[in-house]
Every structure is written in structure tokens, then in C-alpha cells.
Amino acid sequence: MESFTDKYAMEPDDYGISSELGRRLNDWSLFWQRHFDPFDGWDESRNQTQWLATGDELVRLLEVEVYDIAVVLPQFRPS
């Protein structure tokens, strides 16, 4: 659905999440960028395991922080 806004990329502040959670989400993304290659996959299986576990924890924290304005649909786990 079109929202008729010029701002399509959302930032943590747009959702009112804490700066700590915003920082942790950013760190999680940076970890993925450092250890995952779109062609070769993960550099080490332990890094994938760590990234998935951290993602699960971040989903739970995010659900708590945005429960009244959003539904969190995690889509980072392989199908």
C-alpha cells in the first residue's frame, strides 16, 4: 500500500525503540556484513549460529518495545 511519503527507509527513531536496541540491531547487521558473503555463504558455521541466536534475542526485545504499534515478522532464518 502506498503511504504517500518521501521517506521510505525507516529508522529506529521512527518506531520509538530504545537507543540500546537500535545499537544492537546495527551491530547485528554489521556482523552479518563482515561474516556472510552472498555467493559463498558464512565464513564459519559458528558465526552463523551466533548471528541466528542474536537475531532471535533481538526479535523478542523488539516485540516488547513495539508491541503497541507494530507486529514483528522475523524473516532472517533460512526457509
PDB file of N, CA and C in Angstrom:
ATOM      1  N   MET A   1       0.836  -1.174   0.000  1.00  0.00           N
ATOM      2  CA  MET A   1       0.000   0.000   0.000  1.00  0.00           C
ATOM      3  C   MET A   1       0.887   1.244   0.000  1.00  0.00           C
ATOM      4  N   GLU A   2       0.591   2.190  -0.808  1.00  0.00           N
ATOM      5  CA  GLU A   2       1.326   3.450  -0.897  1.00  0.00           C
ATOM      6  C   GLU A   2       1.031   4.301   0.327  1.00  0.00           C
ATOM      7  N   SER A   3       2.092   4.847   0.927  1.00  0.00           N
ATOM      8  CA  SER A   3       1.892   5.703   2.095  1.00  0.00           C
ATOM      9  C   SER A   3       2.010   7.180   1.736  1.00  0.00           C
ATOM     10  N   PHE A   4       2.369   7.465   0.481  1.00  0.00           N
ATOM     11  CA  PHE A   4       2.484   8.836   0.001  1.00  0.00           C
ATOM     12  C   PHE A   4       3.449   9.657   0.849  1.00  0.00           C
ATOM     13  N   THR A   5       4.580   9.065   1.120  1.00  0.00           N
ATOM     14  CA  THR A   5       5.620   9.752   1.863  1.00  0.00           C
ATOM     15  C   THR A   5       6.891   9.746   1.046  1.00  0.00           C
ATOM     16  N   ASP A   6       7.724  10.733   1.281  1.00  0.00           N
ATOM     17  CA  ASP A   6       9.022  10.774   0.619  1.00  0.00           C
ATOM     18  C   ASP A   6      10.039   9.924   1.358  1.00  0.00           C
ATOM     19  N   LYS A   7       9.692   9.489   2.555  1.00  0.00           N
ATOM     20  CA  LYS A   7      10.629   8.728   3.377  1.00  0.00           C
ATOM     21  C   LYS A   7      10.233   7.258   3.368  1.00  0.00           C
ATOM     22  N   TYR A   8      10.988   6.452   2.631  1.00  0.00           N
ATOM     23  CA  TYR A   8      10.682   5.024   2.555  1.00  0.00           C
ATOM     24  C   TYR A   8      11.563   4.189   3.475  1.00  0.00           C
ATOM     25  N   ALA A   9      12.779   4.638   3.742  1.00  0.00           N
ATOM     26  CA  ALA A   9      13.663   3.905   4.651  1.00  0.00           C
ATOM     27  C   ALA A   9      13.344   4.326   6.080  1.00  0.00           C
ATOM     28  N   MET A  10      12.995   3.360   6.896  1.00  0.00           N
ATOM     29  CA  MET A  10      12.645   3.653   8.284  1.00  0.00           C
ATOM     30  C   MET A  10      13.882   3.570   9.162  1.00  0.00           C
ATOM     31  N   GLU A  11      13.916   4.401  10.172  1.00  0.00           N
ATOM     32  CA  GLU A  11      14.997   4.446  11.147  1.00  0.00           C
ATOM     33  C   GLU A  11      14.450   3.989  12.500  1.00  0.00           C
ATOM     34  N   PRO A  12      15.339   3.545  13.413  1.00  0.00           N
ATOM     35  CA  PRO A  12      14.865   3.124  14.735  1.00  0.00           C
ATOM     36  C   PRO A  12      14.015   4.181  15.442  1.00  0.00           C
ATOM     37  N   ASP A  13      14.381   5.456  15.303  1.00  0.00           N
ATOM     38  CA  ASP A  13      13.616   6.519  15.957  1.00  0.00           C
ATOM     39  C   ASP A  13      12.178   6.594  15.451  1.00  0.00           C
ATOM     40  N   ASP A  14      11.948   6.184  14.208  1.00  0.00           N
ATOM     41  CA  ASP A  14      10.591   6.215  13.654  1.00  0.00           C
ATOM     42  C   ASP A  14       9.657   5.273  14.406  1.00  0.00           C
ATOM     43  N   TYR A  15      10.218   4.270  15.055  1.00  0.00           N
ATOM     44  CA  TYR A  15       9.416   3.298  15.792  1.00  0.00           C
ATOM     45  C   TYR A  15       9.466   3.520  17.299  1.00  0.00           C
ATOM     46  N   GLY A  16      10.282   4.463  17.731  1.00  0.00           N
ATOM     47  CA  GLY A  16      10.393   4.741  19.152  1.00  0.00           C
ATOM     48  C   GLY A  16      11.135   3.673  19.931  1.00  0.00           C
ATOM     49  N   ILE A  17      12.017   2.923  19.266  1.00  0.00           N
ATOM     50  CA  ILE A  17      12.763   1.904  20.009  1.00  0.00           C
ATOM     51  C   ILE A  17      13.931   2.557  20.739  1.00  0.00           C
ATOM     52  N   SER A  18      14.383   1.898  21.764  1.00  0.00           N
ATOM     53  CA  SER A  18      15.458   2.441  22.588  1.00  0.00           C
ATOM     54  C   SER A  18      16.753   2.541  21.798  1.00  0.00           C
ATOM     55  N   SER A  19      17.602   3.467  22.211  1.00  0.00           N
ATOM     56  CA  SER A  19      18.894   3.618  21.533  1.00  0.00           C
ATOM     57  C   SER A  19      19.742   2.363  21.703  1.00  0.00           C
ATOM     58  N   GLU A  20      19.614   1.688  22.838  1.00  0.00           N
ATOM     59  CA  GLU A  20      20.365   0.448  23.069  1.00  0.00           C
ATOM     60  C   GLU A  20      19.950  -0.632  22.071  1.00  0.00           C
ATOM     61  N   LEU A  21      18.657  -0.804  21.869  1.00  0.00           N
ATOM     62  CA  LEU A  21      18.199  -1.808  20.910  1.00  0.00           C
ATOM     63  C   LEU A  21      18.585  -1.400  19.491  1.00  0.00           C
ATOM     64  N   GLY A  22      18.487  -0.135  19.171  1.00  0.00           N
ATOM     65  CA  GLY A  22      18.915   0.343  17.853  1.00  0.00           C
ATOM     66  C   GLY A  22      20.378   0.043  17.599  1.00  0.00           C
ATOM     67  N   ARG A  23      21.209   0.260  18.623  1.00  0.00           N
ATOM     68  CA  ARG A  23      22.640  -0.032  18.501  1.00  0.00           C
ATOM     69  C   ARG A  23      22.869  -1.523  18.298  1.00  0.00           C
ATOM     70  N   ARG A  24      22.156  -2.347  19.054  1.00  0.00           N
ATOM     71  CA  ARG A  24      22.324  -3.799  18.937  1.00  0.00           C
ATOM     72  C   ARG A  24      21.870  -4.315  17.575  1.00  0.00           C
ATOM     73  N   LEU A  25      20.788  -3.755  17.045  1.00  0.00           N
ATOM     74  CA  LEU A  25      20.342  -4.140  15.702  1.00  0.00           C
ATOM     75  C   LEU A  25      21.383  -3.756  14.657  1.00  0.00           C
ATOM     76  N   ASN A  26      21.970  -2.580  14.818  1.00  0.00           N
ATOM     77  CA  ASN A  26      23.019  -2.144  13.895  1.00  0.00           C
ATOM     78  C   ASN A  26      24.239  -3.059  13.990  1.00  0.00           C
ATOM     79  N   ASP A  27      24.650  -3.391  15.200  1.00  0.00           N
ATOM     80  CA  ASP A  27      25.791  -4.295  15.391  1.00  0.00           C
ATOM     81  C   ASP A  27      25.513  -5.663  14.765  1.00  0.00           C
ATOM     82  N   TRP A  28      24.283  -6.138  14.894  1.00  0.00           N
ATOM     83  CA  TRP A  28      23.882  -7.426  14.319  1.00  0.00           C
ATOM     84  C   TRP A  28      24.000  -7.388  12.805  1.00  0.00           C
ATOM     85  N   SER A  29      23.575  -6.294  12.211  1.00  0.00           N
ATOM     86  CA  SER A  29      23.687  -6.125  10.761  1.00  0.00           C
ATOM     87  C   SER A  29      25.150  -6.066  10.323  1.00  0.00           C
ATOM     88  N   LEU A  30      25.968  -5.337  11.065  1.00  0.00           N
ATOM     89  CA  LEU A  30      27.396  -5.244  10.733  1.00  0.00           C
ATOM     90  C   LEU A  30      28.076  -6.607  10.837  1.00  0.00           C
ATOM     91  N   PHE A  31      27.694  -7.400  11.836  1.00  0.00           N
ATOM     92  CA  PHE A  31      28.249  -8.747  11.984  1.00  0.00           C
ATOM     93  C   PHE A  31      27.952  -9.568  10.736  1.00  0.00           C
ATOM     94  N   TRP A  32      26.711  -9.503  10.262  1.00  0.00           N
ATOM     95  CA  TRP A  32      26.319 -10.223   9.043  1.00  0.00           C
ATOM     96  C   TRP A  32      27.156  -9.755   7.857  1.00  0.00           C
ATOM     97  N   GLN A  33      27.336  -8.448   7.720  1.00  0.00           N
ATOM     98  CA  GLN A  33      28.107  -7.912   6.598  1.00  0.00           C
ATOM     99  C   GLN A  33      29.563  -8.380   6.627  1.00  0.00           C
ATOM    100  N   ARG A  34      30.113  -8.533   7.828  1.00  0.00           N
ATOM    101  CA  ARG A  34      31.508  -8.968   7.958  1.00  0.00           C
ATOM    102  C   ARG A  34      31.695 -10.467   7.727  1.00  0.00           C
ATOM    103  N   HIS A  35      30.701 -11.267   8.030  1.00  0.00           N
ATOM    104  CA  HIS A  35      30.886 -12.716   8.042  1.00  0.00           C
ATOM    105  C   HIS A  35      30.094 -13.494   6.998  1.00  0.00           C
ATOM    106  N   PHE A  36      29.237 -12.823   6.236  1.00  0.00           N
ATOM    107  CA  PHE A  36      28.422 -13.511   5.242  1.00  0.00           C
ATOM    108  C   PHE A  36      28.701 -12.957   3.857  1.00  0.00           C
ATOM    109  N   ASP A  37      28.919 -13.860   2.918  1.00  0.00           N
ATOM    110  CA  ASP A  37      29.102 -13.481   1.521  1.00  0.00           C
ATOM    111  C   ASP A  37      27.916 -14.037   0.735  1.00  0.00           C
ATOM    112  N   PRO A  38      27.257 -13.212  -0.090  1.00  0.00           N
ATOM    113  CA  PRO A  38      26.075 -13.693  -0.800  1.00  0.00           C
ATOM    114  C   PRO A  38      26.348 -14.861  -1.750  1.00  0.00           C
ATOM    115  N   PHE A  39      27.590 -15.025  -2.174  1.00  0.00           N
ATOM    116  CA  PHE A  39      27.928 -16.115  -3.095  1.00  0.00           C
ATOM    117  C   PHE A  39      28.502 -17.326  -2.368  1.00  0.00           C
ATOM    118  N   ASP A  40      29.300 -17.081  -1.336  1.00  0.00           N
ATOM    119  CA  ASP A  40      29.988 -18.163  -0.629  1.00  0.00           C
ATOM    120  C   ASP A  40      29.340 -18.556   0.694  1.00  0.00           C
ATOM    121  N   GLY A  41      28.411 -17.752   1.191  1.00  0.00           N
ATOM    122  CA  GLY A  41      27.765 -18.049   2.465  1.00  0.00           C
ATOM    123  C   GLY A  41      28.577 -17.566   3.653  1.00  0.00           C
ATOM    124  N   TRP A  42      28.381 -18.223   4.764  1.00  0.00           N
ATOM    125  CA  TRP A  42      29.042 -17.839   6.011  1.00  0.00           C
ATOM    126  C   TRP A  42      30.504 -18.247   5.995  1.00  0.00           C
ATOM    127  N   ASP A  43      31.350 -17.414   6.621  1.00  0.00           N
ATOM    128  CA  ASP A  43      32.770 -17.737   6.703  1.00  0.00           C
ATOM    129  C   ASP A  43      33.020 -18.898   7.661  1.00  0.00           C
ATOM    130  N   GLU A  44      32.228 -19.013   8.727  1.00  0.00           N
ATOM    131  CA  GLU A  44      32.333 -20.118   9.683  1.00  0.00           C
ATOM    132  C   GLU A  44      30.933 -20.437  10.208  1.00  0.00           C
ATOM    133  N   SER A  45      30.662 -21.691  10.427  1.00  0.00           N
ATOM    134  CA  SER A  45      29.327 -22.082  10.898  1.00  0.00           C
ATOM    135  C   SER A  45      29.022 -21.490  12.274  1.00  0.00           C
ATOM    136  N   ARG A  46      30.037 -21.322  13.108  1.00  0.00           N
ATOM    137  CA  ARG A  46      29.787 -20.746  14.441  1.00  0.00           C
ATOM    138  C   ARG A  46      29.314 -19.299  14.346  1.00  0.00           C
ATOM    139  N   ASN A  47      29.767 -18.569  13.310  1.00  0.00           N
ATOM    140  CA  ASN A  47      29.299 -17.195  13.129  1.00  0.00           C
ATOM    141  C   ASN A  47      27.830 -17.176  12.724  1.00  0.00           C
ATOM    142  N   GLN A  48      27.421 -18.123  11.892  1.00  0.00           N
ATOM    143  CA  GLN A  48      26.006 -18.218  11.530  1.00  0.00           C
ATOM    144  C   GLN A  48      25.168 -18.553  12.760  1.00  0.00           C
ATOM    145  N   THR A  49      25.631 -19.504  13.556  1.00  0.00           N
ATOM    146  CA  THR A  49      24.918 -19.895  14.769  1.00  0.00           C
ATOM    147  C   THR A  49      24.769 -18.713  15.713  1.00  0.00           C
ATOM    148  N   GLN A  50      25.853 -17.967  15.898  1.00  0.00           N
ATOM    149  CA  GLN A  50      25.823 -16.792  16.777  1.00  0.00           C
ATOM    150  C   GLN A  50      24.864 -15.736  16.239  1.00  0.00           C
ATOM    151  N   TRP A  51      24.913 -15.493  14.927  1.00  0.00           N
ATOM    152  CA  TRP A  51      24.066 -14.469  14.310  1.00  0.00           C
ATOM    153  C   TRP A  51      22.587 -14.830  14.456  1.00  0.00           C
ATOM    154  N   LEU A  52      22.244 -16.102  14.242  1.00  0.00           N
ATOM    155  CA  LEU A  52      20.857 -16.536  14.380  1.00  0.00           C
ATOM    156  C   LEU A  52      20.373 -16.418  15.826  1.00  0.00           C
ATOM    157  N   ALA A  53      21.196 -16.817  16.777  1.00  0.00           N
ATOM    158  CA  ALA A  53      20.815 -16.735  18.191  1.00  0.00           C
ATOM    159  C   ALA A  53      20.618 -15.281  18.612  1.00  0.00           C
ATOM    160  N   THR A  54      21.514 -14.418  18.177  1.00  0.00           N
ATOM    161  CA  THR A  54      21.376 -12.995  18.486  1.00  0.00           C
ATOM    162  C   THR A  54      20.114 -12.438  17.845  1.00  0.00           C
ATOM    163  N   GLY A  55      19.833 -12.844  16.615  1.00  0.00           N
ATOM    164  CA  GLY A  55      18.618 -12.402  15.937  1.00  0.00           C
ATOM    165  C   GLY A  55      17.364 -12.800  16.689  1.00  0.00           C
ATOM    166  N   ASP A  56      17.328 -14.018  17.196  1.00  0.00           N
ATOM    167  CA  ASP A  56      16.171 -14.476  17.977  1.00  0.00           C
ATOM    168  C   ASP A  56      15.978 -13.608  19.222  1.00  0.00           C
ATOM    169  N   GLU A  57      17.082 -13.290  19.892  1.00  0.00           N
ATOM    170  CA  GLU A  57      17.006 -12.437  21.081  1.00  0.00           C
ATOM    171  C   GLU A  57      16.524 -11.031  20.716  1.00  0.00           C
ATOM    172  N   LEU A  58      17.043 -10.488  19.620  1.00  0.00           N
ATOM    173  CA  LEU A  58      16.649  -9.143  19.201  1.00  0.00           C
ATOM    174  C   LEU A  58      15.174  -9.089  18.804  1.00  0.00           C
ATOM    175  N   VAL A  59      14.674 -10.146  18.198  1.00  0.00           N
ATOM    176  CA  VAL A  59      13.248 -10.199  17.852  1.00  0.00           C
ATOM    177  C   VAL A  59      12.403 -10.082  19.114  1.00  0.00           C
ATOM    178  N   ARG A  60      12.755 -10.838  20.147  1.00  0.00           N
ATOM    179  CA  ARG A  60      11.988 -10.791  21.401  1.00  0.00           C
ATOM    180  C   ARG A  60      12.014  -9.389  22.011  1.00  0.00           C
ATOM    181  N   LEU A  61      13.197  -8.765  22.012  1.00  0.00           N
ATOM    182  CA  LEU A  61      13.314  -7.415  22.568  1.00  0.00           C
ATOM    183  C   LEU A  61      12.525  -6.404  21.742  1.00  0.00           C
ATOM    184  N   LEU A  62      12.584  -6.537  20.429  1.00  0.00           N
ATOM    185  CA  LEU A  62      11.860  -5.620  19.550  1.00  0.00           C
ATOM    186  C   LEU A  62      10.348  -5.776  19.725  1.00  0.00           C
ATOM    187  N   GLU A  63       9.887  -7.015  19.849  1.00  0.00           N
ATOM    188  CA  GLU A  63       8.452  -7.249  20.064  1.00  0.00           C
ATOM    189  C   GLU A  63       7.954  -6.529  21.315  1.00  0.00           C
ATOM    190  N   VAL A  64       8.761  -6.547  22.363  1.00  0.00           N
ATOM    191  CA  VAL A  64       8.380  -5.875  23.607  1.00  0.00           C
ATOM    192  C   VAL A  64       8.309  -4.364  23.400  1.00  0.00           C
ATOM    193  N   GLU A  65       9.278  -3.818  22.688  1.00  0.00           N
ATOM    194  CA  GLU A  65       9.346  -2.367  22.538  1.00  0.00           C
ATOM    195  C   GLU A  65       8.297  -1.803  21.580  1.00  0.00           C
ATOM    196  N   VAL A  66       7.827  -2.588  20.631  1.00  0.00           N
ATOM    197  CA  VAL A  66       6.875  -2.042  19.644  1.00  0.00           C
ATOM    198  C   VAL A  66       5.516  -2.747  19.685  1.00  0.00           C
ATOM    199  N   TYR A  67       5.237  -3.458  20.767  1.00  0.00           N
ATOM    200  CA  TYR A  67       4.017  -4.275  20.824  1.00  0.00           C
ATOM    201  C   TYR A  67       2.750  -3.483  20.522  1.00  0.00           C
ATOM    202  N   ASP A  68       2.737  -2.193  20.852  1.00  0.00           N
ATOM    203  CA  ASP A  68       1.509  -1.416  20.691  1.00  0.00           C
ATOM    204  C   ASP A  68       1.394  -0.690  19.350  1.00  0.00           C
ATOM    205  N   ILE A  69       2.441  -0.800  18.503  1.00  0.00           N
ATOM    206  CA  ILE A  69       2.384  -0.099  17.211  1.00  0.00           C
ATOM    207  C   ILE A  69       2.730  -0.974  16.013  1.00  0.00           C
ATOM    208  N   ALA A  70       3.299  -2.155  16.255  1.00  0.00           N
ATOM    209  CA  ALA A  70       3.754  -2.968  15.121  1.00  0.00           C
ATOM    210  C   ALA A  70       3.750  -4.446  15.475  1.00  0.00           C
ATOM    211  N   VAL A  71       3.676  -5.252  14.440  1.00  0.00           N
ATOM    212  CA  VAL A  71       3.839  -6.698  14.566  1.00  0.00           C
ATOM    213  C   VAL A  71       5.193  -7.029  13.956  1.00  0.00           C
ATOM    214  N   VAL A  72       6.026  -7.718  14.699  1.00  0.00           N
ATOM    215  CA  VAL A  72       7.365  -8.076  14.233  1.00  0.00           C
ATOM    216  C   VAL A  72       7.282  -9.413  13.499  1.00  0.00           C
ATOM    217  N   LEU A  73       7.713  -9.412  12.251  1.00  0.00           N
ATOM    218  CA  LEU A  73       7.715 -10.629  11.435  1.00  0.00           C
ATOM    219  C   LEU A  73       9.155 -10.968  11.061  1.00  0.00           C
ATOM    220  N   PRO A  74       9.839 -11.753  11.887  1.00  0.00           N
ATOM    221  CA  PRO A  74      11.233 -12.081  11.588  1.00  0.00           C
ATOM    222  C   PRO A  74      11.337 -12.924  10.322  1.00  0.00           C
ATOM    223  N   GLN A  75      12.241 -12.530   9.451  1.00  0.00           N
ATOM    224  CA  GLN A  75      12.428 -13.251   8.189  1.00  0.00           C
ATOM    225  C   GLN A  75      13.906 -13.489   7.902  1.00  0.00           C
ATOM    226  N   PHE A  76      14.699 -13.633   8.942  1.00  0.00           N
ATOM    227  CA  PHE A  76      16.133 -13.786   8.753  1.00  0.00           C
ATOM    228  C   PHE A  76      16.597 -15.237   8.782  1.00  0.00           C
ATOM    229  N   ARG A  77      15.732 -16.145   9.203  1.00  0.00           N
ATOM    230  CA  ARG A  77      16.119 -17.563   9.249  1.00  0.00           C
ATOM    231  C   ARG A  77      15.901 -18.204   7.889  1.00  0.00           C
ATOM    232  N   PRO A  78      16.808 -19.107   7.498  1.00  0.00           N
ATOM    233  CA  PRO A  78      16.627 -19.800   6.214  1.00  0.00           C
ATOM    234  C   PRO A  78      15.324 -20.600   6.209  1.00  0.00           C
ATOM    235  N   SER A  79      14.702 -20.670   5.069  1.00  0.00           N
ATOM    236  CA  SER A  79      13.430 -21.410   4.949  1.00  0.00           C
ATOM    237  C   SER A  79      13.668 -22.896   4.852  1.00  0.00           C
TER     238      SER A  79
END
